[in-house]
Protein backbone atom coordinates (compact mmCIF):
# COMPACT_ATOMS: atom_id res chain seq x y z
CA UNK A 1 40.72 274.53 -76.61
CA UNK A 2 40.09 271.41 -74.31
CA UNK A 3 36.90 271.25 -72.39
CA UNK A 4 38.42 270.53 -69.00
CA UNK A 5 35.13 270.47 -67.12
CA UNK A 6 33.75 267.67 -69.26
CA UNK A 7 36.96 265.64 -69.02
CA UNK A 8 37.02 265.93 -65.24
CA UNK A 9 33.40 264.83 -64.98
CA UNK A 10 34.06 261.79 -67.17
CA UNK A 11 37.11 260.85 -65.14
CA UNK A 12 35.15 261.21 -61.94
CA UNK A 13 32.35 259.04 -63.36
CA UNK A 14 34.89 256.37 -64.36
CA UNK A 15 36.42 256.31 -60.89
CA UNK A 16 32.97 256.15 -59.30
CA UNK A 17 31.94 253.26 -61.54
CA UNK A 18 35.12 251.35 -60.73
CA UNK A 19 34.58 251.94 -57.02
CA UNK A 20 31.00 250.74 -57.27
CA UNK A 21 32.12 247.58 -59.03
CA UNK A 22 34.74 246.91 -56.39
CA UNK A 23 32.19 247.44 -53.62
CA UNK A 24 29.75 245.13 -55.38
CA UNK A 25 32.43 242.47 -55.71
CA UNK A 26 33.32 242.79 -52.04
CA UNK A 27 29.66 242.39 -51.08
CA UNK A 28 29.31 239.30 -53.28
CA UNK A 29 32.43 237.70 -51.84
CA UNK A 30 31.21 238.47 -48.31
CA UNK A 31 27.86 236.83 -49.08
CA UNK A 32 29.48 233.64 -50.38
CA UNK A 33 31.85 233.52 -47.42
CA UNK A 34 28.90 233.90 -45.02
CA UNK A 35 27.08 231.08 -46.82
CA UNK A 36 30.04 228.68 -46.84
CA UNK A 37 29.81 227.51 -43.18
CA UNK A 38 26.09 226.77 -43.55
CA UNK A 39 26.70 224.90 -46.80
CA UNK A 40 29.44 222.83 -45.19
CA UNK A 41 27.22 222.12 -42.18
CA UNK A 42 24.36 220.99 -44.43
CA UNK A 43 26.66 218.75 -46.47
CA UNK A 44 28.08 217.03 -43.38
CA UNK A 45 24.67 216.64 -41.75
CA UNK A 46 22.94 215.22 -44.82
CA UNK A 47 25.74 212.84 -45.80
CA UNK A 48 26.10 211.63 -42.22
CA UNK A 49 29.89 211.93 -42.35
CA UNK A 50 31.18 212.75 -38.87
CA UNK A 51 34.87 213.65 -39.14
CA UNK A 52 37.23 213.74 -36.19
CA UNK A 53 37.89 216.85 -34.13
CA UNK A 54 34.70 218.37 -32.69
CA UNK A 55 32.05 217.68 -35.31
CA UNK A 56 30.41 214.94 -33.23
CA UNK A 57 29.72 217.68 -30.66
CA UNK A 58 28.91 220.53 -33.04
CA UNK A 59 26.35 218.58 -35.05
CA UNK A 60 24.19 218.41 -31.90
CA UNK A 61 23.42 222.09 -32.48
CA UNK A 62 22.11 221.69 -36.04
CA UNK A 63 18.72 223.27 -35.10
CA UNK A 64 20.55 226.52 -34.34
CA UNK A 65 22.48 226.31 -37.61
CA UNK A 66 19.18 225.76 -39.43
CA UNK A 67 17.71 228.86 -37.79
CA UNK A 68 20.77 230.92 -38.70
CA UNK A 69 20.75 229.70 -42.28
CA UNK A 70 17.72 231.86 -43.10
CA UNK A 71 19.84 235.02 -42.83
CA UNK A 72 22.07 234.63 -45.96
CA UNK A 73 19.16 234.17 -48.41
CA UNK A 74 17.33 237.16 -46.95
CA UNK A 75 20.41 239.34 -47.30
CA UNK A 76 21.12 238.05 -50.80
CA UNK A 77 17.55 238.75 -51.89
CA UNK A 78 17.65 242.24 -50.39
CA UNK A 79 20.89 242.97 -52.28
CA UNK A 80 19.57 241.35 -55.47
CA UNK A 81 22.35 238.79 -55.70
CA UNK A 82 20.41 236.14 -57.59
CA UNK A 83 23.00 233.34 -57.67
CA UNK A 84 23.86 233.73 -54.00
CA UNK A 85 20.17 233.87 -53.10
CA UNK A 86 19.40 230.62 -54.96
CA UNK A 87 22.34 228.83 -53.33
CA UNK A 88 21.48 230.17 -49.89
CA UNK A 89 17.85 229.12 -50.23
CA UNK A 90 18.95 225.61 -51.19
CA UNK A 91 21.20 225.37 -48.12
CA UNK A 92 18.47 226.69 -45.81
CA UNK A 93 15.98 224.20 -47.29
CA UNK A 94 18.42 221.32 -46.78
CA UNK A 95 18.90 222.16 -43.11
CA UNK A 96 15.18 222.74 -42.63
CA UNK A 97 14.43 219.30 -44.07
CA UNK A 98 16.64 217.77 -41.38
CA UNK A 99 15.16 219.75 -38.49
CA UNK A 100 11.56 220.83 -39.06
CA UNK A 101 9.97 217.33 -39.16
CA UNK A 102 10.81 216.99 -35.46
CA UNK A 103 8.37 219.79 -34.70
CA UNK A 104 5.51 217.93 -36.41
CA UNK A 105 3.69 214.86 -34.99
CA UNK A 106 4.27 211.85 -37.19
CA UNK A 107 0.65 210.66 -37.02
CA UNK A 108 1.49 207.10 -36.07
CA UNK A 109 -1.29 204.48 -36.25
CA UNK A 110 -3.61 204.17 -33.24
CA UNK A 111 -2.64 201.40 -30.84
CA UNK A 112 -4.72 199.73 -28.15
CA UNK A 113 -3.20 197.91 -25.23
CA UNK A 114 -1.45 198.62 -21.93
CA UNK A 115 -0.70 202.24 -21.15
CA UNK A 116 2.81 202.78 -19.78
CA UNK A 117 4.55 205.96 -18.64
CA UNK A 118 8.34 205.95 -18.84
CA UNK A 119 10.50 208.60 -17.18
CA UNK A 120 14.29 208.93 -17.49
CA UNK A 121 16.55 211.29 -15.55
CA UNK A 122 20.27 211.94 -15.38
CA UNK A 123 21.03 213.02 -11.80
CA UNK A 124 24.43 214.68 -12.49
CA UNK A 125 26.57 212.56 -10.20
CA UNK A 126 23.57 212.24 -7.84
CA UNK A 127 23.46 216.01 -7.32
CA UNK A 128 19.68 216.18 -7.68
CA UNK A 129 18.16 216.17 -4.17
CA UNK A 130 16.27 212.96 -3.49
CA UNK A 131 13.25 214.81 -2.12
CA UNK A 132 12.98 216.83 -5.35
CA UNK A 133 13.21 213.68 -7.42
CA UNK A 134 10.58 211.97 -5.27
CA UNK A 135 8.28 214.98 -5.66
CA UNK A 136 8.47 214.60 -9.44
CA UNK A 137 7.93 210.85 -9.20
CA UNK A 138 4.80 211.41 -7.13
CA UNK A 139 3.63 214.10 -9.53
CA UNK A 140 4.39 212.27 -12.79
CA UNK A 141 3.63 208.76 -11.50
CA UNK A 142 5.82 206.85 -13.96
CA UNK A 143 5.41 203.12 -14.34
CA UNK A 144 9.10 202.81 -15.22
CA UNK A 145 11.84 205.17 -14.02
CA UNK A 146 15.37 205.12 -15.43
CA UNK A 147 18.05 206.89 -13.39
CA UNK A 148 21.60 207.49 -14.61
CA UNK A 149 24.64 208.85 -12.76
CA UNK A 150 23.10 207.21 -9.71
CA UNK A 151 25.33 206.78 -6.67
CA UNK A 152 24.78 204.54 -3.66
CA UNK A 153 24.03 207.43 -1.29
CA UNK A 154 21.06 208.49 -3.42
CA UNK A 155 19.78 204.90 -3.56
CA UNK A 156 19.68 204.85 0.25
CA UNK A 157 17.99 208.27 0.37
CA UNK A 158 15.33 207.16 -2.10
CA UNK A 159 14.69 204.06 -0.03
CA UNK A 160 14.23 206.19 3.08
CA UNK A 161 11.93 208.52 1.13
CA UNK A 162 9.63 205.62 0.30
CA UNK A 163 10.30 205.00 -3.39
CA UNK A 164 9.47 201.31 -2.85
CA UNK A 165 5.87 202.30 -2.12
CA UNK A 166 5.59 203.75 -5.63
CA UNK A 167 8.11 201.72 -7.62
CA UNK A 168 8.78 198.53 -5.66
CA UNK A 169 10.84 196.69 -8.29
CA UNK A 170 14.32 197.59 -9.47
CA UNK A 171 17.22 196.46 -11.62
CA UNK A 172 20.69 197.83 -12.22
CA UNK A 173 23.51 199.19 -10.13
CA UNK A 174 24.62 202.30 -8.31
CA UNK A 175 28.17 203.38 -9.12
CA UNK A 176 30.86 205.97 -8.62
CA UNK A 177 30.45 209.25 -10.51
CA UNK A 178 28.68 208.53 -13.83
CA UNK A 179 28.78 204.73 -13.68
CA UNK A 180 25.47 203.96 -11.95
CA UNK A 181 22.30 203.21 -13.90
CA UNK A 182 19.13 201.73 -12.43
CA UNK A 183 15.57 200.98 -13.50
CA UNK A 184 12.73 201.30 -10.97
CA UNK A 185 9.32 199.91 -11.85
CA UNK A 186 5.75 199.76 -10.60
CA UNK A 187 5.43 196.42 -12.40
CA UNK A 188 7.48 193.28 -11.80
CA UNK A 189 10.94 193.62 -13.29
CA UNK A 190 13.94 191.37 -13.68
CA UNK A 191 17.42 191.97 -15.00
CA UNK A 192 18.21 190.26 -18.25
CA UNK A 193 21.88 189.59 -17.83
CA UNK A 194 24.71 191.97 -16.91
CA UNK A 195 24.99 195.60 -18.10
CA UNK A 196 25.63 195.92 -21.82
CA UNK A 197 29.33 195.51 -22.61
CA UNK A 198 31.64 198.39 -23.43
CA UNK A 199 33.66 201.13 -21.73
CA UNK A 200 32.11 204.11 -20.05
CA UNK A 201 28.79 204.36 -18.19
CA UNK A 202 26.40 201.45 -17.82
CA UNK A 203 23.37 200.61 -19.95
CA UNK A 204 21.16 198.13 -18.12
CA UNK A 205 18.83 195.60 -19.84
CA UNK A 206 15.74 194.39 -18.00
CA UNK A 207 12.34 192.81 -18.61
CA UNK A 208 9.09 194.30 -17.29
CA UNK A 209 6.08 192.00 -16.90
CA UNK A 210 2.92 193.80 -17.93
CA UNK A 211 -0.61 192.96 -16.71
CA UNK A 212 -1.65 189.69 -18.28
CA UNK A 213 1.91 188.38 -18.30
CA UNK A 214 3.17 190.09 -21.44
CA UNK A 215 6.90 190.83 -21.27
CA UNK A 216 8.50 194.08 -22.41
CA UNK A 217 12.23 194.62 -22.83
CA UNK A 218 13.48 197.86 -21.28
CA UNK A 219 17.02 199.21 -21.46
CA UNK A 220 18.18 201.98 -19.14
CA UNK A 221 20.63 203.85 -21.36
CA UNK A 222 23.72 205.85 -20.54
CA UNK A 223 26.38 206.11 -23.24
CA UNK A 224 29.77 207.78 -23.37
CA UNK A 225 29.91 211.48 -24.24
CA UNK A 226 31.11 212.44 -27.77
CA UNK A 227 34.25 214.26 -26.73
CA UNK A 228 37.62 214.12 -28.46
CA UNK A 229 40.23 211.38 -28.45
CA UNK A 230 39.42 207.86 -27.32
CA UNK A 231 36.08 208.91 -25.86
CA UNK A 232 34.76 209.65 -29.35
CA UNK A 233 35.30 205.98 -30.15
CA UNK A 234 33.74 205.03 -26.81
CA UNK A 235 30.71 207.20 -27.63
CA UNK A 236 30.02 205.77 -31.06
CA UNK A 237 30.64 202.23 -29.86
CA UNK A 238 28.36 202.58 -26.85
CA UNK A 239 25.49 203.83 -29.03
CA UNK A 240 26.06 201.07 -31.60
CA UNK A 241 26.10 198.55 -28.75
CA UNK A 242 22.45 199.27 -27.91
CA UNK A 243 20.06 196.55 -29.08
CA UNK A 244 18.25 196.95 -32.38
CA UNK A 245 14.48 196.77 -32.54
CA UNK A 246 13.60 193.18 -33.33
CA UNK A 247 11.71 190.31 -31.78
CA UNK A 248 10.06 191.18 -28.46
CA UNK A 249 8.84 194.74 -27.97
CA UNK A 250 11.54 196.97 -26.51
CA UNK A 251 11.92 200.48 -25.07
CA UNK A 252 15.24 202.29 -24.68
CA UNK A 253 15.27 205.25 -22.28
CA UNK A 254 17.91 207.51 -20.81
CA UNK A 255 20.93 209.65 -21.63
CA UNK A 256 22.09 208.73 -25.14
CA UNK A 257 24.58 211.62 -25.39
CA UNK A 258 23.40 211.85 -29.00
CA UNK A 259 20.79 213.79 -30.93
CA UNK A 260 18.80 212.94 -34.03
CA UNK A 261 21.46 214.86 -35.95
CA UNK A 262 23.99 212.12 -35.17
CA UNK A 263 24.04 209.40 -37.79
CA UNK A 264 24.81 206.74 -35.20
CA UNK A 265 21.51 207.46 -33.42
CA UNK A 266 19.54 207.73 -36.65
CA UNK A 267 20.91 204.33 -37.65
CA UNK A 268 19.66 202.87 -34.36
CA UNK A 269 16.21 204.43 -34.82
CA UNK A 270 16.09 203.05 -38.37
CA UNK A 271 16.22 199.48 -37.05
CA UNK A 272 12.58 199.91 -36.03
CA UNK A 273 12.26 202.50 -33.26
CA UNK A 274 10.39 205.78 -32.93
CA UNK A 275 11.76 208.63 -30.87
CA UNK A 276 8.94 209.66 -28.53
CA UNK A 277 9.77 213.37 -28.74
CA UNK A 278 10.00 213.30 -32.52
CA UNK A 279 6.82 211.25 -32.87
CA UNK A 280 4.77 213.76 -30.87
CA UNK A 281 6.19 216.93 -32.44
CA UNK A 282 8.45 217.72 -29.48
CA UNK A 283 11.70 216.74 -31.14
CA UNK A 284 13.17 220.21 -30.56
CA UNK A 285 12.61 220.07 -26.80
CA UNK A 286 16.16 220.41 -25.50
CA UNK A 287 17.46 218.48 -22.50
CA UNK A 288 21.12 219.51 -21.93
CA UNK A 289 23.10 221.45 -20.59
CA UNK A 290 21.15 223.23 -17.86
CA UNK A 291 23.86 223.68 -15.24
CA UNK A 292 27.15 225.60 -15.17
CA UNK A 293 26.37 227.26 -18.50
CA UNK A 294 24.89 230.71 -19.22
CA UNK A 295 21.23 230.84 -20.21
CA UNK A 296 22.09 231.80 -23.78
CA UNK A 297 24.31 228.74 -24.28
CA UNK A 298 22.83 226.48 -27.02
CA UNK A 299 21.07 223.35 -25.82
CA UNK A 300 20.82 219.86 -27.32
CA UNK A 301 18.25 217.04 -27.17
CA UNK A 302 20.40 214.13 -25.98
CA UNK A 303 17.93 212.36 -23.63
CA UNK A 304 15.42 210.11 -25.35
CA UNK A 305 12.77 207.45 -25.08
CA UNK A 306 12.94 205.16 -28.11
CA UNK A 307 10.01 202.80 -28.52
CA UNK A 308 9.59 199.92 -30.93
CA UNK A 309 7.63 201.25 -33.91
CA UNK A 310 4.76 198.89 -33.03
CA UNK A 311 4.30 200.75 -29.73
CA UNK A 312 1.96 203.73 -29.62
CA UNK A 313 3.37 207.09 -28.48
CA UNK A 314 0.70 209.29 -26.89
CA UNK A 315 2.71 212.06 -25.26
CA UNK A 316 6.11 213.47 -24.34
CA UNK A 317 7.40 216.11 -21.94
CA UNK A 318 10.61 217.39 -20.38
CA UNK A 319 10.93 218.05 -16.65
CA UNK A 320 13.29 220.42 -14.83
CA UNK A 321 15.28 218.77 -12.04
CA UNK A 322 17.17 220.94 -9.55
CA UNK A 323 20.99 220.71 -9.64
CA UNK A 324 21.03 218.44 -12.66
CA UNK A 325 22.54 219.47 -15.98
CA UNK A 326 19.82 217.47 -17.77
CA UNK A 327 16.10 217.76 -18.04
CA UNK A 328 14.26 214.53 -17.39
CA UNK A 329 12.08 213.11 -20.16
CA UNK A 330 8.64 211.53 -19.78
CA UNK A 331 6.89 209.51 -22.49
CA UNK A 332 3.39 208.06 -22.49
CA UNK A 333 3.29 204.81 -24.45
CA UNK A 334 0.71 202.21 -25.38
CA UNK A 335 2.06 198.67 -25.53
CA UNK A 336 0.03 196.56 -27.99
CA UNK A 337 -1.15 193.21 -26.77
CA UNK A 338 0.70 190.20 -28.08
CA UNK A 339 -0.79 189.06 -31.36
CA UNK A 340 -2.63 192.37 -31.86
């Protein structure tokens, strides 16, 4: 006589085991699928390959991807998926290696010489009120001020507000919409030729004469934005068109429309610059966009002060400007004396 109770129990156990295996397989597949975007992001970021479509924009948000990449290994460890956990930890470590050094001061060598404060601000088609800008200039007291998206009406307003009493020297041009870039200075300044060649906004080269007659190259930077189509080529070309660090000491300041996650900017830095934010451990201080976007929208660090690696970097800060979509950046530098 068959023992039906035992047979039913065995059948039930077999079905349960099969269901458990299927569920386990589904969980494993889900883990690998969740890891795949982070792995692809890490591969693109570390190789420096920037394919067409929207990657040149997306890579700006690598710090957020790095933060999110800690979730897959935690889940894999909790579920005891060893292979997935090892792979996820490797991906998270790769992204962390690209991002975390920006939060640590680089401990550059001490430099003695002339102290110089550089401030750069994108005015969003001159939307920032001139009185608000002047208030920050009086508060921050920059020696050199770079303004981008500067239109002629704002130039006249700044003149009426007395900017010449604080920064009497200037170089560059006002322009329609995003075209205008100008450098104001407390120290004597002269333009060194026309704006740098290329389509899009203007980057303006100038020479500042420091106390004692030493000359410092300064470039007020505004590059194209890394959007799709022809402007992606404009963007990369306008960053590559910025002068490398060689010869006379040089500072580049302004709206680069690029982060340290863009290879084209890292290549420029590698010629002999230091990013002031990165050097002081403020490399994750975001500067854009702060207008017409919800508060939760991810931000990117696209405004920079790059200083020749021989220049000391003592401090860095970002500054809120009303009605602008950018935060201004302020860097405290020490320019070594010639021959030092």
